[in-house]
Protein backbone atom coordinates (compact mmCIF):
# COMPACT_ATOMS: atom_id res chain seq x y z
CA MET A 1 -25.55 -7.00 8.36
CA THR A 2 -25.49 -5.41 5.19
CA GLN A 3 -23.33 -6.81 2.40
CA PRO A 4 -21.41 -5.87 -0.42
CA THR A 5 -23.59 -5.38 -3.85
CA THR A 6 -23.12 -7.67 -6.43
CA ALA A 7 -23.93 -7.13 -10.10
CA ALA A 8 -27.02 -9.34 -9.69
CA THR A 9 -28.24 -7.27 -6.50
CA ALA A 10 -27.05 -3.36 -7.95
CA PRO A 11 -29.72 -1.15 -7.13
CA THR A 12 -30.76 1.39 -9.81
CA THR A 13 -29.09 4.65 -9.81
CA THR A 14 -30.85 7.73 -11.27
CA THR A 15 -28.61 9.82 -14.02
CA THR A 16 -28.91 13.32 -13.80
CA LYS A 17 -30.06 14.48 -16.95
CA THR A 18 -28.91 18.26 -18.03
CA THR A 19 -30.57 19.97 -20.94
CA THR A 20 -27.41 21.27 -22.35
CA THR A 21 -25.53 19.68 -25.53
CA THR A 22 -22.77 17.69 -24.65
CA PRO A 23 -19.88 17.04 -27.17
CA ALA A 24 -19.35 13.52 -28.41
CA PHE A 25 -16.13 11.80 -26.87
CA ASP A 26 -13.84 11.59 -30.14
CA VAL A 27 -11.78 8.66 -30.12
CA ALA A 28 -9.34 9.93 -32.89
CA GLU A 29 -8.73 12.95 -30.88
CA MET A 30 -7.66 10.71 -27.91
CA VAL A 31 -5.47 8.64 -29.85
CA SER A 32 -3.87 11.88 -31.07
CA TYR A 33 -3.41 13.09 -27.56
CA ILE A 34 -1.40 9.46 -26.83
CA GLU A 35 0.89 10.14 -30.28
CA THR A 36 1.74 13.36 -29.15
CA MET A 37 2.61 12.55 -25.46
CA ALA A 38 4.77 9.42 -26.48
CA GLY A 39 6.23 11.41 -29.49
CA PHE A 40 8.06 13.15 -26.71
CA GLY A 41 10.08 10.39 -25.49
CA ALA A 42 10.66 9.10 -21.78
CA ARG A 43 8.67 11.96 -19.99
CA ARG A 44 10.91 11.35 -16.79
CA ALA A 45 10.71 14.04 -14.03
CA GLY A 46 12.61 16.97 -14.74
CA THR A 47 13.27 16.26 -18.61
CA ASP A 48 12.62 18.09 -21.28
CA ALA A 49 9.95 15.74 -22.49
CA ASN A 50 8.17 15.93 -19.41
CA HIS A 51 8.32 19.87 -19.59
CA ARG A 52 6.94 19.89 -23.21
CA THR A 53 4.23 17.36 -21.94
CA GLU A 54 3.25 19.55 -19.40
CA ASP A 55 3.11 22.75 -22.15
CA PHE A 56 0.64 20.33 -24.37
CA LEU A 57 -1.34 19.69 -21.28
CA VAL A 58 -1.89 23.43 -20.39
CA GLU A 59 -2.47 24.14 -24.02
CA ARG A 60 -5.43 21.74 -24.21
CA LEU A 61 -6.87 22.38 -21.39
CA THR A 62 -6.97 26.33 -21.80
CA HIS A 63 -8.49 25.79 -25.32
CA PHE A 64 -10.99 23.67 -24.06
CA GLY A 65 -12.37 26.75 -21.66
CA CYS A 66 -11.45 25.37 -18.73
CA GLU A 67 -10.71 27.75 -15.73
CA ASN A 68 -7.59 28.84 -13.47
CA VAL A 69 -5.37 26.38 -15.60
CA ARG A 70 -1.77 26.20 -13.93
CA ARG A 71 1.17 24.80 -13.62
CA GLU A 72 2.19 23.93 -9.72
CA ALA A 73 6.09 23.36 -9.69
CA ILE A 74 7.65 20.92 -7.57
CA ALA A 75 11.67 20.86 -6.65
CA ILE A 76 13.52 17.45 -7.53
CA GLU A 77 16.55 15.87 -7.94
CA LYS A 78 16.99 15.49 -11.97
CA TRP A 79 18.92 12.07 -12.43
CA THR A 80 20.11 11.63 -16.41
CA VAL A 81 22.23 8.48 -17.28
CA GLU A 82 24.84 9.16 -20.04
CA ARG A 83 26.77 6.15 -20.15
CA SER A 84 25.77 2.36 -18.91
CA SER A 85 27.28 -1.37 -19.53
CA PHE A 86 27.51 -4.76 -17.93
CA GLU A 87 29.89 -6.54 -18.40
CA VAL A 88 31.01 -10.04 -17.48
CA GLY A 89 34.20 -12.36 -17.00
CA THR A 90 35.37 -15.49 -16.05
CA GLY A 91 37.84 -14.20 -13.84
CA ALA A 92 40.62 -16.28 -15.36
CA GLY A 93 41.82 -13.34 -17.42
CA ALA A 94 39.79 -13.44 -20.39
CA GLY A 95 38.49 -10.06 -20.16
CA PHE A 96 34.62 -8.88 -20.20
CA SER A 97 31.96 -9.54 -22.52
CA PRO A 98 28.91 -7.18 -22.22
CA MET A 99 25.67 -8.80 -21.02
CA ALA A 100 21.81 -6.76 -21.89
CA ALA A 101 21.02 -4.49 -18.81
CA GLN A 102 19.13 -1.64 -17.74
CA TRP A 103 20.33 0.11 -14.90
CA LEU A 104 18.29 0.79 -12.12
CA PRO A 105 16.47 4.44 -11.72
CA TYR A 106 17.98 6.88 -9.44
CA CYS A 107 20.78 4.56 -8.44
CA ALA A 108 24.34 5.63 -7.46
CA PHE A 109 26.75 6.21 -10.21
CA THR A 110 29.90 4.38 -10.80
CA PRO A 111 33.61 6.31 -11.22
CA PRO A 112 33.94 7.17 -15.58
CA GLY A 113 36.18 4.08 -15.62
CA GLY A 114 33.47 1.61 -13.84
CA ILE A 115 33.67 -0.93 -11.21
CA GLU A 116 35.23 -4.45 -11.41
CA ALA A 117 34.48 -6.58 -8.66
CA GLU A 118 33.90 -10.25 -7.79
CA LEU A 119 30.23 -11.60 -8.31
CA VAL A 120 28.15 -13.22 -4.99
CA TYR A 121 24.74 -14.87 -5.36
CA ALA A 122 22.29 -14.00 -3.03
CA ASP A 123 19.91 -17.38 -3.21
CA PRO A 124 16.58 -16.49 -2.31
CA ALA A 125 15.69 -20.16 -0.90
CA ARG A 126 18.06 -19.84 1.84
CA LEU A 127 16.79 -17.87 4.79
CA ARG A 128 20.27 -16.97 5.96
CA GLN A 129 22.84 -15.81 3.37
CA GLY A 130 26.54 -16.67 4.25
CA GLY A 131 29.72 -15.45 2.53
CA ASP A 132 31.42 -12.09 2.80
CA TRP A 133 29.83 -9.55 0.28
CA ARG A 134 32.68 -6.56 1.04
CA GLY A 135 33.72 -5.18 -2.31
CA LYS A 136 31.48 -7.52 -4.64
CA ILE A 137 28.76 -7.20 -6.65
CA VAL A 138 25.67 -8.94 -5.38
CA VAL A 139 23.48 -10.83 -7.99
CA THR A 140 20.05 -12.34 -6.91
CA ASP A 141 16.54 -13.26 -8.52
CA ILE A 142 13.72 -11.34 -8.58
CA GLU A 143 10.37 -12.86 -8.51
CA PHE A 144 6.88 -11.53 -8.80
CA PRO A 145 4.21 -12.96 -6.84
CA ALA A 146 1.16 -14.40 -9.19
CA LEU A 147 -1.83 -12.51 -9.16
CA ASP A 148 -4.60 -14.16 -7.55
CA VAL A 149 -7.44 -13.12 -9.74
CA ALA A 150 -9.65 -16.15 -8.27
CA MET A 151 -9.02 -14.69 -4.88
CA LEU A 152 -9.87 -10.87 -6.26
CA GLY A 153 -13.25 -12.40 -7.49
CA LYS A 154 -14.39 -13.79 -4.35
CA LEU A 155 -13.02 -10.39 -2.14
CA SER A 156 -15.10 -8.16 -4.76
CA PHE A 157 -17.72 -6.00 -4.73
CA GLY A 158 -19.24 -7.35 -8.08
CA ARG A 159 -18.00 -7.64 -11.63
CA TYR A 160 -18.76 -6.88 -15.03
CA ASP A 161 -17.43 -9.70 -17.26
CA PRO A 162 -19.79 -10.91 -19.60
CA ASP A 163 -17.65 -13.27 -21.32
CA ASN A 164 -16.57 -14.91 -18.02
CA THR A 165 -12.59 -14.31 -18.74
CA LEU A 166 -11.38 -12.46 -15.71
CA GLU A 167 -10.37 -15.79 -13.94
CA ARG A 168 -8.62 -17.07 -17.11
CA ILE A 169 -5.70 -14.14 -16.13
CA LYS A 170 -2.40 -16.15 -15.14
CA HIS A 171 0.31 -13.36 -15.32
CA PRO A 172 2.40 -12.57 -12.57
CA ALA A 173 1.79 -9.15 -10.52
CA THR A 174 4.71 -7.60 -12.24
CA TRP A 175 4.72 -4.16 -9.91
CA VAL A 176 5.71 -6.20 -6.74
CA ARG A 177 9.29 -7.06 -6.92
CA LYS A 178 10.13 -9.99 -4.28
CA ASN A 179 13.60 -10.22 -3.19
CA TRP A 180 14.80 -6.60 -3.63
CA HIS A 181 15.28 -6.47 0.41
CA PHE A 182 18.95 -8.10 -0.72
CA TYR A 183 19.81 -4.83 -2.45
CA ARG A 184 19.65 -3.59 1.05
CA GLU A 185 21.44 -6.36 2.68
CA ALA A 186 24.12 -5.80 0.08
CA ILE A 187 24.35 -2.05 1.07
CA ASN A 188 24.70 -3.45 4.87
CA ARG A 189 27.49 -5.70 4.10
CA GLY A 190 29.45 -3.53 2.01
CA ALA A 191 29.04 -4.94 -1.35
CA VAL A 192 29.72 -2.33 -4.33
CA GLY A 193 27.05 -3.16 -6.62
CA PHE A 194 23.83 -5.08 -7.45
CA VAL A 195 22.13 -6.93 -10.35
CA GLY A 196 18.72 -8.41 -10.32
CA ILE A 197 17.59 -11.25 -12.38
CA LEU A 198 14.02 -10.80 -13.86
CA LYS A 199 13.05 -14.74 -13.60
CA ASP A 200 9.33 -14.22 -14.03
CA GLN A 201 8.95 -11.25 -16.47
CA PRO A 202 6.77 -12.40 -19.56
CA GLY A 203 8.86 -12.12 -22.51
CA GLY A 204 12.11 -12.33 -20.84
CA SER A 205 12.85 -8.19 -21.09
CA HIS A 206 15.23 -6.78 -19.22
CA ARG A 207 13.89 -3.56 -20.03
CA MET A 208 12.32 -2.40 -16.72
CA TYR A 209 12.03 0.82 -14.97
CA ALA A 210 11.80 -0.12 -11.23
CA PRO A 211 11.56 0.39 -8.42
CA TYR A 212 10.14 4.08 -8.66
CA GLY A 213 9.41 5.05 -5.09
CA PHE A 214 5.95 3.71 -5.09
CA ARG A 215 6.93 1.65 -2.05
CA GLU A 216 10.25 2.70 -1.36
CA GLN A 217 10.89 5.26 1.68
CA ASN A 218 13.11 7.43 -0.20
CA ILE A 219 14.03 7.00 -3.98
CA LEU A 220 16.85 8.63 -3.77
CA ASP A 221 18.47 6.32 -1.05
CA LYS A 222 20.21 3.91 -3.71
CA PRO A 223 23.67 4.31 -2.79
CA LEU A 224 24.71 1.23 -4.80
CA PRO A 225 24.85 1.24 -8.70
CA GLY A 226 22.97 -1.49 -10.43
CA PHE A 227 21.14 -3.01 -13.10
CA TRP A 228 18.42 -5.72 -14.14
CA VAL A 229 19.49 -8.24 -16.47
CA GLY A 230 17.07 -10.58 -18.67
CA ARG A 231 15.56 -14.07 -17.36
CA ASP A 232 17.46 -15.71 -20.48
CA ASP A 233 21.18 -14.33 -19.19
CA GLY A 234 19.87 -15.65 -15.38
CA PRO A 235 21.48 -19.23 -15.79
CA ARG A 236 24.94 -17.74 -16.84
CA LEU A 237 24.92 -15.06 -14.48
CA ARG A 238 23.77 -17.36 -11.42
CA GLU A 239 26.69 -19.64 -12.76
CA LEU A 240 29.38 -16.92 -12.73
CA ALA A 241 28.24 -15.76 -9.06
CA ARG A 242 28.39 -18.83 -7.68
CA ALA A 243 31.66 -19.60 -8.89
CA GLY A 244 33.16 -16.18 -8.29
CA GLY A 245 33.30 -14.82 -11.25
CA GLN A 246 34.18 -10.88 -11.95
CA ALA A 247 32.04 -8.15 -13.56
CA ARG A 248 32.07 -4.53 -14.80
CA LEU A 249 29.21 -2.07 -13.93
CA THR A 250 29.77 0.90 -15.90
CA LEU A 251 26.91 4.19 -15.13
CA THR A 252 27.76 7.56 -15.38
CA GLY A 253 25.42 10.60 -15.81
CA GLN A 254 24.23 13.60 -13.70
CA ARG A 255 22.25 14.67 -10.66
CA GLY A 256 21.32 17.86 -9.58
CA PRO A 257 18.10 20.16 -8.79
CA GLY A 258 15.53 19.92 -11.16
CA VAL A 259 11.49 20.98 -11.40
CA THR A 260 8.69 19.12 -12.38
CA HIS A 261 4.93 20.62 -12.26
CA ASN A 262 1.30 19.21 -11.56
CA ILE A 263 -0.96 20.46 -14.25
CA VAL A 264 -4.49 21.87 -12.62
CA ALA A 265 -7.45 23.19 -14.34
CA GLU A 266 -10.85 23.72 -13.08
CA ILE A 267 -14.27 23.53 -14.47
CA PRO A 268 -17.25 25.40 -12.48
CA GLY A 269 -20.40 23.74 -11.13
CA ILE A 270 -23.61 24.86 -11.87
CA GLY A 271 -24.53 24.64 -8.20
CA GLY A 272 -27.93 23.77 -6.84
CA PRO A 273 -28.99 21.45 -3.74
CA GLY A 274 -28.36 17.63 -3.89
CA GLY A 275 -24.86 17.06 -4.24
CA GLY A 276 -23.02 20.19 -2.34
CA GLY A 277 -22.95 22.33 -5.12
CA ASP A 278 -20.10 24.44 -6.38
CA ASP A 279 -18.09 24.26 -2.56
CA GLU A 280 -17.47 20.63 -3.12
CA VAL A 281 -15.12 19.12 -6.03
CA VAL A 282 -14.52 15.99 -7.89
CA ILE A 283 -11.15 15.28 -9.04
CA LEU A 284 -10.53 13.76 -12.57
CA HIS A 285 -7.08 12.67 -12.42
CA SER A 286 -3.89 10.66 -14.02
CA HIS A 287 -0.31 11.39 -13.93
CA HIS A 288 1.39 12.56 -16.85
CA ASP A 289 4.84 11.31 -16.41
CA SER A 290 6.54 7.82 -18.14
CA PRO A 291 9.21 5.69 -17.74
CA PHE A 292 9.96 5.51 -21.32
CA LYS A 293 7.42 6.71 -24.21
CA SER A 294 4.88 4.54 -22.67
CA PRO A 295 1.78 5.20 -24.64
CA VAL A 296 0.03 3.36 -22.25
CA GLU A 297 1.84 4.04 -19.03
CA ASP A 298 -0.03 6.75 -19.12
CA ALA A 299 -0.46 8.38 -22.23
CA SER A 300 -3.72 6.66 -22.68
CA GLY A 301 -5.32 7.70 -18.72
CA CYS A 302 -4.32 11.09 -19.48
CA ALA A 303 -5.94 10.97 -22.95
CA VAL A 304 -9.15 9.96 -20.94
CA VAL A 305 -8.84 12.62 -18.82
CA LEU A 306 -8.29 14.95 -21.48
CA GLY A 307 -11.51 13.70 -23.45
CA LEU A 308 -13.60 14.38 -20.00
CA ALA A 309 -12.17 17.90 -19.20
CA LYS A 310 -13.11 18.99 -23.14
CA HIS A 311 -16.82 16.99 -22.29
CA PHE A 312 -17.32 18.73 -19.19
CA ALA A 313 -15.97 22.17 -20.26
CA GLY A 314 -18.50 21.76 -22.93
CA GLN A 315 -21.31 22.36 -21.07
CA GLN A 316 -22.71 25.71 -19.27
CA GLY A 317 -20.98 24.99 -15.75
CA GLY A 318 -19.65 21.43 -16.90
CA GLY A 319 -23.38 20.33 -16.53
CA VAL A 320 -22.94 19.16 -13.00
CA LYS A 321 -23.42 20.79 -9.58
CA ARG A 322 -19.77 20.53 -8.37
CA ARG A 323 -16.68 22.01 -9.24
CA ILE A 324 -14.23 19.78 -11.12
CA VAL A 325 -10.67 19.56 -10.70
CA VAL A 326 -8.93 18.33 -13.31
CA LEU A 327 -5.34 17.19 -11.94
CA PHE A 328 -2.64 15.91 -14.18
CA THR A 329 0.07 14.46 -11.73
CA ALA A 330 3.64 14.89 -11.93
CA GLY A 331 6.29 12.19 -10.45
CA HIS A 332 4.25 8.99 -10.34
CA PHE A 333 7.87 7.86 -11.12
CA TYR A 334 9.45 9.79 -8.55
CA GLY A 335 7.67 8.53 -5.76
CA SER A 336 4.11 9.87 -6.51
CA ILE A 337 5.78 12.97 -5.85
CA GLY A 338 2.83 14.89 -7.38
CA THR A 339 0.07 13.65 -5.74
CA ARG A 340 1.07 13.39 -2.14
CA THR A 341 2.54 17.28 -2.73
CA PHE A 342 -0.46 18.27 -3.94
CA ILE A 343 -2.69 16.73 -1.08
CA ALA A 344 0.00 18.35 1.18
CA LYS A 345 -0.18 21.98 -0.36
CA HIS A 346 -4.04 22.22 -0.37
CA ALA A 347 -5.08 20.40 2.50
CA HIS A 348 -6.62 22.97 3.90
CA ASP A 349 -8.24 24.85 0.90
CA VAL A 350 -9.09 21.60 -1.57
CA VAL A 351 -8.97 18.36 0.20
CA PRO A 352 -11.83 19.36 2.52
CA ARG A 353 -13.95 20.01 -0.09
CA VAL A 354 -13.47 17.01 -2.46
CA ALA A 355 -16.69 14.98 -2.69
CA LEU A 356 -14.59 12.27 -4.70
CA GLU A 357 -11.57 11.57 -5.94
CA ILE A 358 -11.57 9.55 -9.90
CA SER A 359 -7.96 7.87 -11.07
CA ILE A 360 -7.61 6.50 -14.61
CA GLU A 361 -4.61 4.54 -15.78
CA HIS A 362 -3.62 2.61 -18.46
CA ILE A 363 -6.32 1.70 -21.01
CA ALA A 364 -4.37 -1.28 -22.27
CA LYS A 365 -4.73 -4.61 -24.57
CA GLU A 366 -4.14 -7.79 -22.53
CA ALA A 367 -0.70 -9.39 -23.55
CA GLU A 368 0.96 -12.57 -22.90
CA GLU A 369 4.27 -14.77 -23.48
CA GLY A 370 4.81 -15.81 -27.05
CA PRO A 371 4.73 -19.83 -27.59
CA ASP A 372 9.20 -18.75 -28.11
CA GLY A 373 9.26 -17.36 -24.61
CA LYS A 374 10.63 -13.97 -25.72
CA SER A 375 7.88 -11.74 -26.94
CA LEU A 376 4.69 -10.82 -25.97
CA VAL A 377 1.40 -11.79 -27.81
CA ALA A 378 -2.19 -10.37 -27.72
CA THR A 379 -4.58 -12.42 -26.32
CA GLY A 380 -7.39 -10.07 -28.04
CA ARG A 381 -8.87 -9.01 -24.87
CA PRO A 382 -8.75 -5.96 -23.13
CA GLU A 383 -6.45 -6.30 -19.97
CA GLY A 384 -8.53 -6.72 -16.73
CA MET A 385 -9.08 -3.65 -14.96
CA GLY A 386 -9.63 -3.03 -11.01
CA VAL A 387 -11.78 -0.49 -9.98
CA PHE A 388 -11.02 0.55 -6.47
CA VAL A 389 -14.35 1.74 -4.52
CA PRO A 390 -15.92 2.85 -1.72
CA PHE A 391 -17.08 0.56 1.13
CA ASN A 392 -20.96 1.68 0.29
CA SER A 393 -23.57 -0.14 -1.72
CA ALA A 394 -24.67 3.33 -3.64
CA MET A 395 -21.26 3.73 -4.93
CA VAL A 396 -20.82 0.12 -5.61
CA ALA A 397 -24.20 0.09 -7.65
CA ALA A 398 -23.09 3.46 -9.28
CA VAL A 399 -19.84 2.55 -10.61
CA LEU A 400 -21.44 -0.91 -11.83
CA LYS A 401 -24.03 0.26 -13.72
CA ASN A 402 -21.68 2.60 -15.62
CA LEU A 403 -19.37 -0.24 -16.38
CA GLU A 404 -22.36 -2.23 -17.86
CA THR A 405 -23.95 0.44 -19.70
CA HIS A 406 -21.06 1.73 -21.36
CA HIS A 407 -19.56 -2.04 -22.07
CA VAL A 408 -16.36 -1.87 -19.64
CA ASP A 409 -16.02 -5.40 -19.58
CA ARG A 410 -13.45 -7.57 -17.55
CA SER A 411 -13.72 -5.26 -14.57
CA PHE A 412 -13.59 -5.91 -10.83
CA LEU A 413 -14.93 -3.84 -8.30
CA LEU A 414 -12.35 -4.06 -5.26
CA PRO A 415 -12.31 -2.63 -1.76
CA CYS A 416 -9.49 0.19 -1.46
CA GLU A 417 -7.97 -1.57 1.17
CA GLY A 418 -7.02 -5.78 1.31
CA PRO A 419 -4.60 -8.27 0.03
CA LEU A 420 -3.26 -5.72 -2.35
CA GLY A 421 -2.22 -3.28 0.49
CA ASP A 422 -3.22 0.00 2.40
CA PHE A 423 -4.57 1.93 -0.21
CA PRO A 424 -5.38 1.10 -4.05
CA PRO A 425 -2.34 0.36 -6.20
CA THR A 426 -2.58 3.23 -8.06
CA ASP A 427 -1.53 7.23 -8.10
CA GLY A 428 -4.73 8.03 -6.68
CA GLY A 429 -4.04 5.84 -3.30
CA ASP A 430 -2.28 8.64 -1.73
CA TRP A 431 -6.09 10.44 -1.68
CA TYR A 432 -7.41 7.49 0.06
CA GLU A 433 -5.02 7.61 2.84
CA ALA A 434 -5.75 11.30 3.12
CA GLY A 435 -9.45 9.89 4.22
CA VAL A 436 -10.81 11.03 0.54
CA PRO A 437 -13.20 8.74 -1.20
CA VAL A 438 -12.22 7.41 -4.44
CA VAL A 439 -13.19 5.48 -7.77
CA ASN A 440 -9.54 4.44 -9.31
CA LEU A 441 -9.64 2.69 -12.50
CA ILE A 442 -6.41 0.82 -13.45
CA SER A 443 -5.29 -2.19 -15.47
CA ASN A 444 -1.73 -3.78 -14.94
CA PRO A 445 -0.67 -5.57 -18.16
CA VAL A 446 2.90 -7.42 -17.90
CA TYR A 447 4.44 -4.72 -20.26
CA LEU A 448 3.58 -1.90 -18.25
CA LEU A 449 7.01 -0.39 -16.50
CA ASN A 450 8.78 -1.87 -19.65
CA GLU A 451 10.19 -0.12 -22.73
CA GLU A 452 7.90 -2.55 -24.57
CA ASP A 453 5.07 -0.22 -23.87
CA ASP A 454 4.27 0.85 -27.84
CA PHE A 455 1.11 1.82 -29.36
CA GLU A 456 0.14 -1.55 -30.33
CA TRP A 457 -0.69 -2.24 -26.51
CA VAL A 458 -3.45 0.62 -26.37
CA ASP A 459 -6.62 -0.59 -26.37
CA GLN A 460 -8.32 2.05 -28.49
CA ALA A 461 -11.70 0.88 -28.35
CA ARG A 462 -11.74 1.19 -25.00
CA LEU A 463 -11.09 4.77 -24.41
CA VAL A 464 -14.43 6.10 -25.34
CA PRO A 465 -16.44 3.43 -23.34
CA VAL A 466 -14.44 4.24 -20.21
CA ALA A 467 -14.33 7.96 -20.42
CA GLU A 468 -18.03 7.57 -20.69
CA ALA A 469 -18.31 5.32 -17.76
CA VAL A 470 -16.59 8.11 -15.87
CA ALA A 471 -18.89 10.56 -17.18
CA GLY A 472 -21.60 9.04 -16.36
CA LEU A 473 -20.48 8.13 -12.69
CA VAL A 474 -19.72 12.18 -12.08
CA ARG A 475 -23.44 12.93 -13.14
CA ASP A 476 -24.71 9.83 -10.88
CA VAL A 477 -22.77 11.39 -8.00
CA ASP A 478 -24.08 14.50 -8.39
CA GLY A 479 -27.19 13.62 -6.67
CA LEU A 480 -25.49 11.81 -3.54
CA THR A 481 -23.99 13.87 -0.65
CA LYS A 482 -20.48 13.90 -0.03
CA ALA A 483 -21.29 11.83 3.32
CA GLN A 484 -23.04 9.05 1.43
CA ILE A 485 -20.17 8.63 -1.24
CA GLY A 486 -17.57 8.19 1.71
CA GLU A 487 -20.16 6.13 3.88
CA VAL A 488 -18.37 2.84 5.23
CA GLU A 489 -21.43 0.81 5.01
CA PHE A 490 -19.87 -2.71 4.84
CA LYS A 491 -17.73 -2.32 7.97
CA ALA A 492 -17.52 -6.04 8.53
CA LYS A 493 -16.38 -6.38 5.07
CA LYS A 494 -13.46 -3.55 5.42
CA LEU A 495 -12.61 -5.22 8.87
CA GLN A 496 -12.07 -8.79 6.83
CA MET A 497 -9.90 -6.88 4.29
CA GLN A 498 -7.81 -5.32 7.43
CA LEU A 499 -7.24 -8.89 8.66
CA LEU A 500 -6.90 -10.49 5.00
CA LYS A 501 -4.25 -7.58 4.17
CA HIS A 502 -2.03 -8.44 7.18
CA VAL A 503 -1.74 -12.20 6.41
CA VAL A 504 -1.11 -11.70 2.83
CA ARG A 505 1.54 -9.50 3.78
CA ALA A 506 2.96 -11.47 6.43
CA LYS A 507 2.98 -14.47 3.77
CA THR A 508 4.83 -12.39 1.07
CA THR A 509 7.28 -10.73 3.25
CA TRP A 510 8.25 -14.00 5.32
CA PHE A 511 6.61 -12.20 8.43
CA GLY A 512 8.36 -8.78 7.37
CA THR A 513 12.00 -10.19 6.99
CA ARG A 514 11.91 -9.86 3.46
CA PRO A 515 9.67 -6.55 2.45
CA VAL A 516 8.66 -6.48 -1.27
CA TYR A 517 8.69 -3.43 -3.45
């Protein structure tokens, strides 16, 4: 039985050389792209900042000399907050006092005067929740599962971790929210509001933008107004909820028809034998929207893709046989609507021609909670990177070789399905579900979905190495056929991952009774 390739056994892959001059990747230029995009503010779907970002991407791609640069419109429901507050009281006529809170995206608005109601606590430790929730505001603890890096290491196809620091990662998986199912239970039991305590958020922040549709059936299906509060306010809020204290939720705003756009450009290939020629496609992809100004999420990924677009457009025919499609998708924070819409729209003209989809997300510094328990501090290392790869030795070897050559350290090569889910937890995961081979590079620092994502957390020193590694990979797969790229060679490994996926899901969700988001 063929086994996955590891760092020690990876065969060499010959890089296809070209005679054209390759423009160097420019870190200052990529940083300027991040500054420009973050400078627009929160790039939420349908907002002015979103549309200004789209204009910027179109201008850059056109300037680079890409072909067929275009916007592809997607209808959405624009959702904008005007006023929000969360206030608590004792229920003894003492009035209300404010508590720091962040609204849930796309939840229902309250009347202008807010909603006043009794609090009730949903205890995650109890299998069944008693009591009457009708007309009340439900409070619960939102937990994040531990990111089991040691387990991922055992399941990986290889790693590039010369300093052996990957398994020192201790932070939780902050993109998975346990106990969110109580929101649905609150709806079913007649509650009028919901408040989640982010008890496991490193640094104690309450300023999180989630859930945003990644694992929800419908991002717009949130009929209760709701808020997040931070860990430090948890004890007081739990006590009030257990004692029947009062609270007032106020959340007003506007919702109505809006539009966002996928931004697409093409770089023709030079054709020829080997990799399938210009009739086949390699996609270079990141999403352009964001929850806050979010330099890391995902202005940093866009900066790398822009660097790659300039790099390949600066050569005759891109310097590779296959056509390159540069794709900046909309609405990752609107249920990944951009990726899903692009795949559906181009199911017959683009998707069947894609030899490989490459997504790049989050060029980030690692952060951990500071000694004060109220802040984040840098560890001095890049955030660990998961690189999701096909189940075959040729692709494992090509990816690993480029990570090593260009010193993209602290990287695991992971299977596209397994304990982390049915598909990679990336904006490229939908491509895998569509049957397209993917290489998805992603880091998940603890501040990623929070307003704390700021310029200090962009790992500027890593921008060029990641771009160089991806460029090298694109050239290396030029020598592989589409079938070789997507081959499922490690069949036993894939079956093992599918079984483990179900075991982990059952454990995390209490055998499906408590779905996570």
